[in-house]
Amino acid sequence: MALNFPSDLKYLKSDEWVRFEGDTATLGISDYAQDQLNDIVFVETPEVGTTLPQGGSFGTVESVKAASDLYSPIAGVIVEVNDALRSTPELVNSDPYGKGWIVKLKVSGSKDNPDLLDATAYKALCESRA
């Protein structure tokens, strides 16, 4: 199956993605990451209201193979967590850019992060790992 790299997102080398909508940022893990992890069995998220620094952890994804910490590409305050993931963590596998989103942040400070890659650069990175 071909992996998906939506061009409206920005990506970190650690396989998280961000979608900016005004002053809100939605975060999740990439199709490449969920594919590498295989079957996701648990997603841990912080509480709404948690302040995240850029690079701060916004949770953990556990699969049958491994557990991976998740890192925020920007600073902000968590305004929503995807509660559906508590009962159906496999949404991260089946729809990583849609129903499998993990948290939403109210952005505090700049949206600029020199570590964010566009879809073309991130796809090239993923292909170089194969």
N, C-alpha and C. Protein backbone atom coordinates (compact mmCIF):
# COMPACT_ATOMS: atom_id res chain seq x y z
N MET A 1 0.84 -1.19 0.00
CA MET A 1 0.00 0.00 0.00
C MET A 1 0.88 1.25 0.00
N ALA A 2 0.55 2.17 -0.85
CA ALA A 2 1.31 3.42 -0.90
C ALA A 2 0.98 4.29 0.31
N LEU A 3 2.00 4.90 0.87
CA LEU A 3 1.79 5.78 2.00
C LEU A 3 1.35 7.15 1.53
N ASN A 4 0.66 7.83 2.41
CA ASN A 4 0.05 9.12 2.09
C ASN A 4 0.85 10.24 2.77
N PHE A 5 1.13 11.31 2.02
CA PHE A 5 1.86 12.47 2.54
C PHE A 5 1.10 13.74 2.15
N PRO A 6 0.00 14.07 2.84
CA PRO A 6 -0.79 15.25 2.45
C PRO A 6 0.05 16.53 2.41
N SER A 7 -0.13 17.29 1.34
CA SER A 7 0.69 18.49 1.13
C SER A 7 0.26 19.67 1.99
N ASP A 8 -0.91 19.59 2.66
CA ASP A 8 -1.34 20.70 3.52
C ASP A 8 -0.78 20.59 4.93
N LEU A 9 0.02 19.57 5.18
CA LEU A 9 0.59 19.36 6.51
C LEU A 9 2.08 19.68 6.50
N LYS A 10 2.62 19.87 7.71
CA LYS A 10 4.06 19.96 7.92
C LYS A 10 4.44 18.78 8.81
N TYR A 11 5.68 18.32 8.70
CA TYR A 11 6.11 17.10 9.36
C TYR A 11 7.42 17.32 10.11
N LEU A 12 7.58 16.56 11.20
CA LEU A 12 8.86 16.50 11.90
C LEU A 12 9.60 15.23 11.48
N LYS A 13 10.91 15.25 11.58
CA LYS A 13 11.69 14.04 11.28
C LYS A 13 11.32 12.90 12.22
N SER A 14 10.76 13.22 13.39
CA SER A 14 10.35 12.19 14.34
C SER A 14 8.95 11.66 14.02
N ASP A 15 8.38 12.04 12.87
CA ASP A 15 7.16 11.47 12.29
C ASP A 15 5.84 12.02 12.82
N GLU A 16 5.87 13.15 13.52
CA GLU A 16 4.62 13.82 13.86
C GLU A 16 4.24 14.77 12.73
N TRP A 17 2.93 15.07 12.62
CA TRP A 17 2.47 16.06 11.64
C TRP A 17 1.69 17.15 12.36
N VAL A 18 1.59 18.29 11.68
CA VAL A 18 0.81 19.41 12.21
C VAL A 18 0.01 20.02 11.06
N ARG A 19 -1.23 20.36 11.37
CA ARG A 19 -2.11 21.07 10.43
C ARG A 19 -2.53 22.36 11.13
N PHE A 20 -2.19 23.50 10.54
CA PHE A 20 -2.55 24.79 11.11
C PHE A 20 -3.89 25.25 10.55
N GLU A 21 -4.79 25.67 11.46
CA GLU A 21 -6.07 26.26 11.08
C GLU A 21 -6.24 27.49 11.97
N GLY A 22 -5.88 28.66 11.41
CA GLY A 22 -5.90 29.87 12.23
C GLY A 22 -4.87 29.76 13.34
N ASP A 23 -5.30 29.97 14.60
CA ASP A 23 -4.36 29.87 15.72
C ASP A 23 -4.46 28.51 16.41
N THR A 24 -5.07 27.54 15.72
CA THR A 24 -5.16 26.17 16.24
C THR A 24 -4.29 25.26 15.39
N ALA A 25 -3.64 24.32 16.06
CA ALA A 25 -2.81 23.32 15.38
C ALA A 25 -3.29 21.94 15.79
N THR A 26 -3.57 21.10 14.81
CA THR A 26 -3.92 19.71 15.07
C THR A 26 -2.67 18.87 14.87
N LEU A 27 -2.41 17.94 15.81
CA LEU A 27 -1.21 17.13 15.78
C LEU A 27 -1.57 15.64 15.71
N GLY A 28 -0.72 14.89 15.04
CA GLY A 28 -0.88 13.44 14.98
C GLY A 28 0.42 12.81 14.54
N ILE A 29 0.35 11.51 14.21
CA ILE A 29 1.54 10.84 13.66
C ILE A 29 1.28 10.51 12.20
N SER A 30 2.35 10.44 11.46
CA SER A 30 2.24 10.27 10.01
C SER A 30 1.84 8.84 9.63
N ASP A 31 1.40 8.72 8.40
CA ASP A 31 1.07 7.43 7.83
C ASP A 31 2.31 6.52 7.88
N TYR A 32 3.47 7.09 7.59
CA TYR A 32 4.72 6.32 7.68
C TYR A 32 4.92 5.77 9.09
N ALA A 33 4.69 6.62 10.12
CA ALA A 33 4.91 6.20 11.50
C ALA A 33 3.96 5.08 11.90
N GLN A 34 2.67 5.25 11.56
CA GLN A 34 1.72 4.20 11.95
C GLN A 34 2.03 2.89 11.22
N ASP A 35 2.52 2.99 9.99
CA ASP A 35 2.88 1.81 9.22
C ASP A 35 4.06 1.09 9.87
N GLN A 36 5.04 1.85 10.36
CA GLN A 36 6.20 1.26 11.02
C GLN A 36 5.83 0.62 12.36
N LEU A 37 4.90 1.25 13.08
CA LEU A 37 4.49 0.75 14.39
C LEU A 37 3.61 -0.49 14.31
N ASN A 38 2.90 -0.66 13.21
CA ASN A 38 1.90 -1.72 13.05
C ASN A 38 0.67 -1.41 13.89
N ASP A 39 0.07 -2.42 14.50
CA ASP A 39 -1.23 -2.25 15.16
C ASP A 39 -1.11 -1.44 16.45
N ILE A 40 -1.70 -0.25 16.43
CA ILE A 40 -1.67 0.63 17.60
C ILE A 40 -2.75 0.16 18.58
N VAL A 41 -2.33 -0.05 19.83
CA VAL A 41 -3.24 -0.60 20.84
C VAL A 41 -3.58 0.39 21.95
N PHE A 42 -2.84 1.50 22.05
CA PHE A 42 -3.10 2.47 23.12
C PHE A 42 -2.49 3.81 22.74
N VAL A 43 -3.23 4.88 23.02
CA VAL A 43 -2.72 6.24 22.82
C VAL A 43 -2.91 6.99 24.13
N GLU A 44 -1.81 7.47 24.68
CA GLU A 44 -1.84 8.26 25.91
C GLU A 44 -1.74 9.73 25.53
N THR A 45 -2.62 10.56 26.09
CA THR A 45 -2.60 11.99 25.80
C THR A 45 -2.59 12.78 27.09
N PRO A 46 -2.07 14.00 27.06
CA PRO A 46 -2.13 14.87 28.24
C PRO A 46 -3.53 15.44 28.40
N GLU A 47 -3.75 16.09 29.53
CA GLU A 47 -5.04 16.71 29.82
C GLU A 47 -5.22 17.99 29.02
N VAL A 48 -6.49 18.31 28.71
CA VAL A 48 -6.81 19.62 28.14
C VAL A 48 -6.33 20.68 29.12
N GLY A 49 -5.74 21.74 28.60
CA GLY A 49 -5.20 22.80 29.46
C GLY A 49 -3.71 22.69 29.70
N THR A 50 -3.11 21.55 29.33
CA THR A 50 -1.67 21.36 29.47
C THR A 50 -0.93 22.30 28.52
N THR A 51 0.07 22.99 29.05
CA THR A 51 0.91 23.86 28.22
C THR A 51 2.10 23.06 27.72
N LEU A 52 2.29 23.09 26.41
CA LEU A 52 3.40 22.35 25.79
C LEU A 52 4.43 23.32 25.25
N PRO A 53 5.69 23.15 25.59
CA PRO A 53 6.73 23.90 24.90
C PRO A 53 6.99 23.25 23.55
N GLN A 54 7.61 23.99 22.64
CA GLN A 54 8.04 23.38 21.38
C GLN A 54 8.97 22.23 21.73
N GLY A 55 8.72 21.07 21.17
CA GLY A 55 9.53 19.89 21.48
C GLY A 55 9.03 19.10 22.68
N GLY A 56 7.99 19.61 23.37
CA GLY A 56 7.44 18.91 24.52
C GLY A 56 6.62 17.70 24.09
N SER A 57 6.49 16.73 24.98
CA SER A 57 5.76 15.51 24.68
C SER A 57 4.26 15.73 24.79
N PHE A 58 3.52 15.31 23.76
CA PHE A 58 2.06 15.39 23.83
C PHE A 58 1.44 14.00 23.91
N GLY A 59 2.21 13.04 24.40
CA GLY A 59 1.66 11.72 24.62
C GLY A 59 2.57 10.61 24.14
N THR A 60 1.98 9.40 24.15
CA THR A 60 2.68 8.20 23.75
C THR A 60 1.73 7.35 22.92
N VAL A 61 2.27 6.74 21.89
CA VAL A 61 1.52 5.77 21.10
C VAL A 61 2.16 4.41 21.34
N GLU A 62 1.32 3.44 21.73
CA GLU A 62 1.83 2.09 21.95
C GLU A 62 1.24 1.16 20.90
N SER A 63 2.12 0.32 20.35
CA SER A 63 1.68 -0.68 19.37
C SER A 63 2.10 -2.05 19.88
N VAL A 64 1.77 -3.06 19.10
CA VAL A 64 2.19 -4.40 19.47
C VAL A 64 3.72 -4.53 19.38
N LYS A 65 4.38 -3.61 18.67
CA LYS A 65 5.82 -3.67 18.47
C LYS A 65 6.61 -2.79 19.42
N ALA A 66 6.07 -1.59 19.73
CA ALA A 66 6.88 -0.60 20.46
C ALA A 66 5.99 0.50 21.03
N ALA A 67 6.59 1.32 21.88
CA ALA A 67 5.94 2.53 22.37
C ALA A 67 6.78 3.71 21.90
N SER A 68 6.12 4.76 21.45
CA SER A 68 6.82 5.94 20.93
C SER A 68 6.27 7.20 21.57
N ASP A 69 7.17 8.03 22.09
CA ASP A 69 6.77 9.34 22.59
C ASP A 69 6.48 10.25 21.41
N LEU A 70 5.56 11.18 21.62
CA LEU A 70 5.16 12.13 20.59
C LEU A 70 5.62 13.52 20.98
N TYR A 71 6.18 14.27 20.03
CA TYR A 71 6.75 15.58 20.33
C TYR A 71 6.08 16.67 19.51
N SER A 72 5.76 17.76 20.18
CA SER A 72 5.07 18.88 19.53
C SER A 72 6.04 19.75 18.75
N PRO A 73 5.72 20.05 17.49
CA PRO A 73 6.59 20.91 16.69
C PRO A 73 6.48 22.39 17.05
N ILE A 74 5.47 22.73 17.85
CA ILE A 74 5.26 24.13 18.22
C ILE A 74 4.80 24.21 19.67
N ALA A 75 4.88 25.41 20.24
CA ALA A 75 4.41 25.64 21.60
C ALA A 75 2.92 25.97 21.57
N GLY A 76 2.21 25.57 22.63
CA GLY A 76 0.79 25.88 22.71
C GLY A 76 0.15 25.25 23.93
N VAL A 77 -1.15 25.46 24.04
CA VAL A 77 -1.95 24.90 25.13
C VAL A 77 -2.94 23.91 24.51
N ILE A 78 -3.02 22.72 25.09
CA ILE A 78 -3.94 21.72 24.56
C ILE A 78 -5.37 22.15 24.81
N VAL A 79 -6.14 22.25 23.72
CA VAL A 79 -7.54 22.66 23.83
C VAL A 79 -8.50 21.50 23.57
N GLU A 80 -7.99 20.41 23.00
CA GLU A 80 -8.84 19.25 22.74
C GLU A 80 -7.96 18.02 22.57
N VAL A 81 -8.45 16.88 23.08
CA VAL A 81 -7.80 15.60 22.82
C VAL A 81 -8.82 14.71 22.11
N ASN A 82 -8.33 13.81 21.31
CA ASN A 82 -9.21 12.92 20.56
C ASN A 82 -9.65 11.78 21.46
N ASP A 83 -10.79 11.97 22.14
CA ASP A 83 -11.29 10.98 23.08
C ASP A 83 -11.63 9.65 22.42
N ALA A 84 -11.93 9.68 21.12
CA ALA A 84 -12.26 8.43 20.41
C ALA A 84 -11.11 7.44 20.46
N LEU A 85 -9.88 7.94 20.62
CA LEU A 85 -8.72 7.05 20.61
C LEU A 85 -8.65 6.17 21.86
N ARG A 86 -9.37 6.57 22.93
CA ARG A 86 -9.37 5.73 24.14
C ARG A 86 -9.97 4.37 23.86
N SER A 87 -11.07 4.34 23.12
CA SER A 87 -11.74 3.07 22.84
C SER A 87 -11.35 2.49 21.48
N THR A 88 -10.87 3.33 20.57
CA THR A 88 -10.51 2.85 19.23
C THR A 88 -9.17 3.44 18.79
N PRO A 89 -8.07 3.05 19.47
CA PRO A 89 -6.75 3.60 19.11
C PRO A 89 -6.34 3.25 17.69
N GLU A 90 -6.96 2.21 17.11
CA GLU A 90 -6.61 1.81 15.74
C GLU A 90 -7.01 2.85 14.71
N LEU A 91 -7.76 3.89 15.10
CA LEU A 91 -8.03 5.00 14.17
C LEU A 91 -6.74 5.64 13.69
N VAL A 92 -5.70 5.61 14.53
CA VAL A 92 -4.41 6.16 14.13
C VAL A 92 -3.85 5.36 12.95
N ASN A 93 -4.12 4.05 12.92
CA ASN A 93 -3.69 3.22 11.79
C ASN A 93 -4.55 3.46 10.55
N SER A 94 -5.86 3.49 10.73
CA SER A 94 -6.76 3.51 9.58
C SER A 94 -6.93 4.90 8.97
N ASP A 95 -6.76 5.96 9.77
CA ASP A 95 -7.00 7.32 9.28
C ASP A 95 -6.11 8.32 10.02
N PRO A 96 -4.77 8.21 9.84
CA PRO A 96 -3.85 9.01 10.66
C PRO A 96 -4.00 10.52 10.50
N TYR A 97 -4.51 10.98 9.34
CA TYR A 97 -4.62 12.42 9.11
C TYR A 97 -6.05 12.93 9.31
N GLY A 98 -6.98 12.03 9.59
CA GLY A 98 -8.38 12.41 9.77
C GLY A 98 -8.83 12.06 11.18
N LYS A 99 -9.59 10.97 11.28
CA LYS A 99 -10.15 10.56 12.58
C LYS A 99 -9.08 10.14 13.58
N GLY A 100 -7.86 9.90 13.12
CA GLY A 100 -6.78 9.48 14.01
C GLY A 100 -5.91 10.60 14.55
N TRP A 101 -6.37 11.87 14.41
CA TRP A 101 -5.61 12.98 15.00
C TRP A 101 -5.51 12.74 16.51
N ILE A 102 -4.53 13.38 17.17
CA ILE A 102 -4.30 13.06 18.59
C ILE A 102 -4.66 14.23 19.50
N VAL A 103 -4.12 15.42 19.26
CA VAL A 103 -4.46 16.59 20.09
C VAL A 103 -4.58 17.83 19.22
N LYS A 104 -5.28 18.83 19.78
CA LYS A 104 -5.34 20.15 19.17
C LYS A 104 -4.79 21.16 20.16
N LEU A 105 -3.97 22.08 19.64
CA LEU A 105 -3.34 23.11 20.46
C LEU A 105 -3.82 24.49 20.03
N LYS A 106 -3.92 25.39 21.00
CA LYS A 106 -4.00 26.81 20.69
C LYS A 106 -2.55 27.27 20.64
N VAL A 107 -2.12 27.73 19.50
CA VAL A 107 -0.72 28.08 19.29
C VAL A 107 -0.36 29.29 20.14
N SER A 108 0.75 29.18 20.86
CA SER A 108 1.28 30.33 21.60
C SER A 108 2.65 30.64 21.01
N GLY A 109 2.79 31.84 20.50
CA GLY A 109 4.05 32.20 19.87
C GLY A 109 4.03 31.90 18.39
N SER A 110 5.19 31.66 17.85
CA SER A 110 5.37 31.52 16.41
C SER A 110 4.98 30.13 15.92
N LYS A 111 4.44 30.07 14.70
CA LYS A 111 4.20 28.79 14.03
C LYS A 111 5.44 28.33 13.30
N ASP A 112 6.45 29.19 13.26
CA ASP A 112 7.67 28.84 12.53
C ASP A 112 8.53 27.90 13.35
N ASN A 113 8.93 26.83 12.73
CA ASN A 113 9.87 25.89 13.32
C ASN A 113 10.75 25.40 12.17
N PRO A 114 12.06 25.71 12.22
CA PRO A 114 12.93 25.33 11.11
C PRO A 114 13.01 23.82 10.92
N ASP A 115 12.57 23.04 11.92
CA ASP A 115 12.62 21.58 11.81
C ASP A 115 11.43 21.00 11.05
N LEU A 116 10.41 21.82 10.77
CA LEU A 116 9.24 21.32 10.04
C LEU A 116 9.56 21.14 8.56
N LEU A 117 9.16 19.99 8.04
CA LEU A 117 9.39 19.65 6.64
C LEU A 117 8.07 19.72 5.86
N ASP A 118 8.16 20.09 4.59
CA ASP A 118 6.95 19.99 3.76
C ASP A 118 6.80 18.53 3.33
N ALA A 119 5.69 18.22 2.67
CA ALA A 119 5.37 16.84 2.32
C ALA A 119 6.45 16.22 1.43
N THR A 120 6.97 16.97 0.47
CA THR A 120 7.97 16.45 -0.45
C THR A 120 9.24 16.06 0.28
N ALA A 121 9.70 16.93 1.18
CA ALA A 121 10.93 16.65 1.93
C ALA A 121 10.72 15.49 2.90
N TYR A 122 9.55 15.44 3.53
CA TYR A 122 9.29 14.35 4.48
C TYR A 122 9.18 13.00 3.76
N LYS A 123 8.52 12.99 2.61
CA LYS A 123 8.42 11.75 1.84
C LYS A 123 9.81 11.26 1.44
N ALA A 124 10.66 12.17 1.00
CA ALA A 124 12.03 11.80 0.63
C ALA A 124 12.78 11.22 1.84
N LEU A 125 12.58 11.83 3.02
CA LEU A 125 13.21 11.30 4.25
C LEU A 125 12.73 9.87 4.50
N CYS A 126 11.43 9.66 4.45
CA CYS A 126 10.88 8.32 4.71
C CYS A 126 11.41 7.30 3.70
N GLU A 127 11.50 7.69 2.45
CA GLU A 127 12.02 6.78 1.42
C GLU A 127 13.48 6.46 1.64
N SER A 128 14.24 7.41 2.21
CA SER A 128 15.66 7.17 2.47
C SER A 128 15.87 6.20 3.62
N ARG A 129 14.86 6.02 4.46
CA ARG A 129 14.96 5.10 5.60
C ARG A 129 14.70 3.66 5.20
N ALA A 130 14.11 3.47 4.03
CA ALA A 130 13.70 2.11 3.62
C ALA A 130 14.89 1.21 3.32
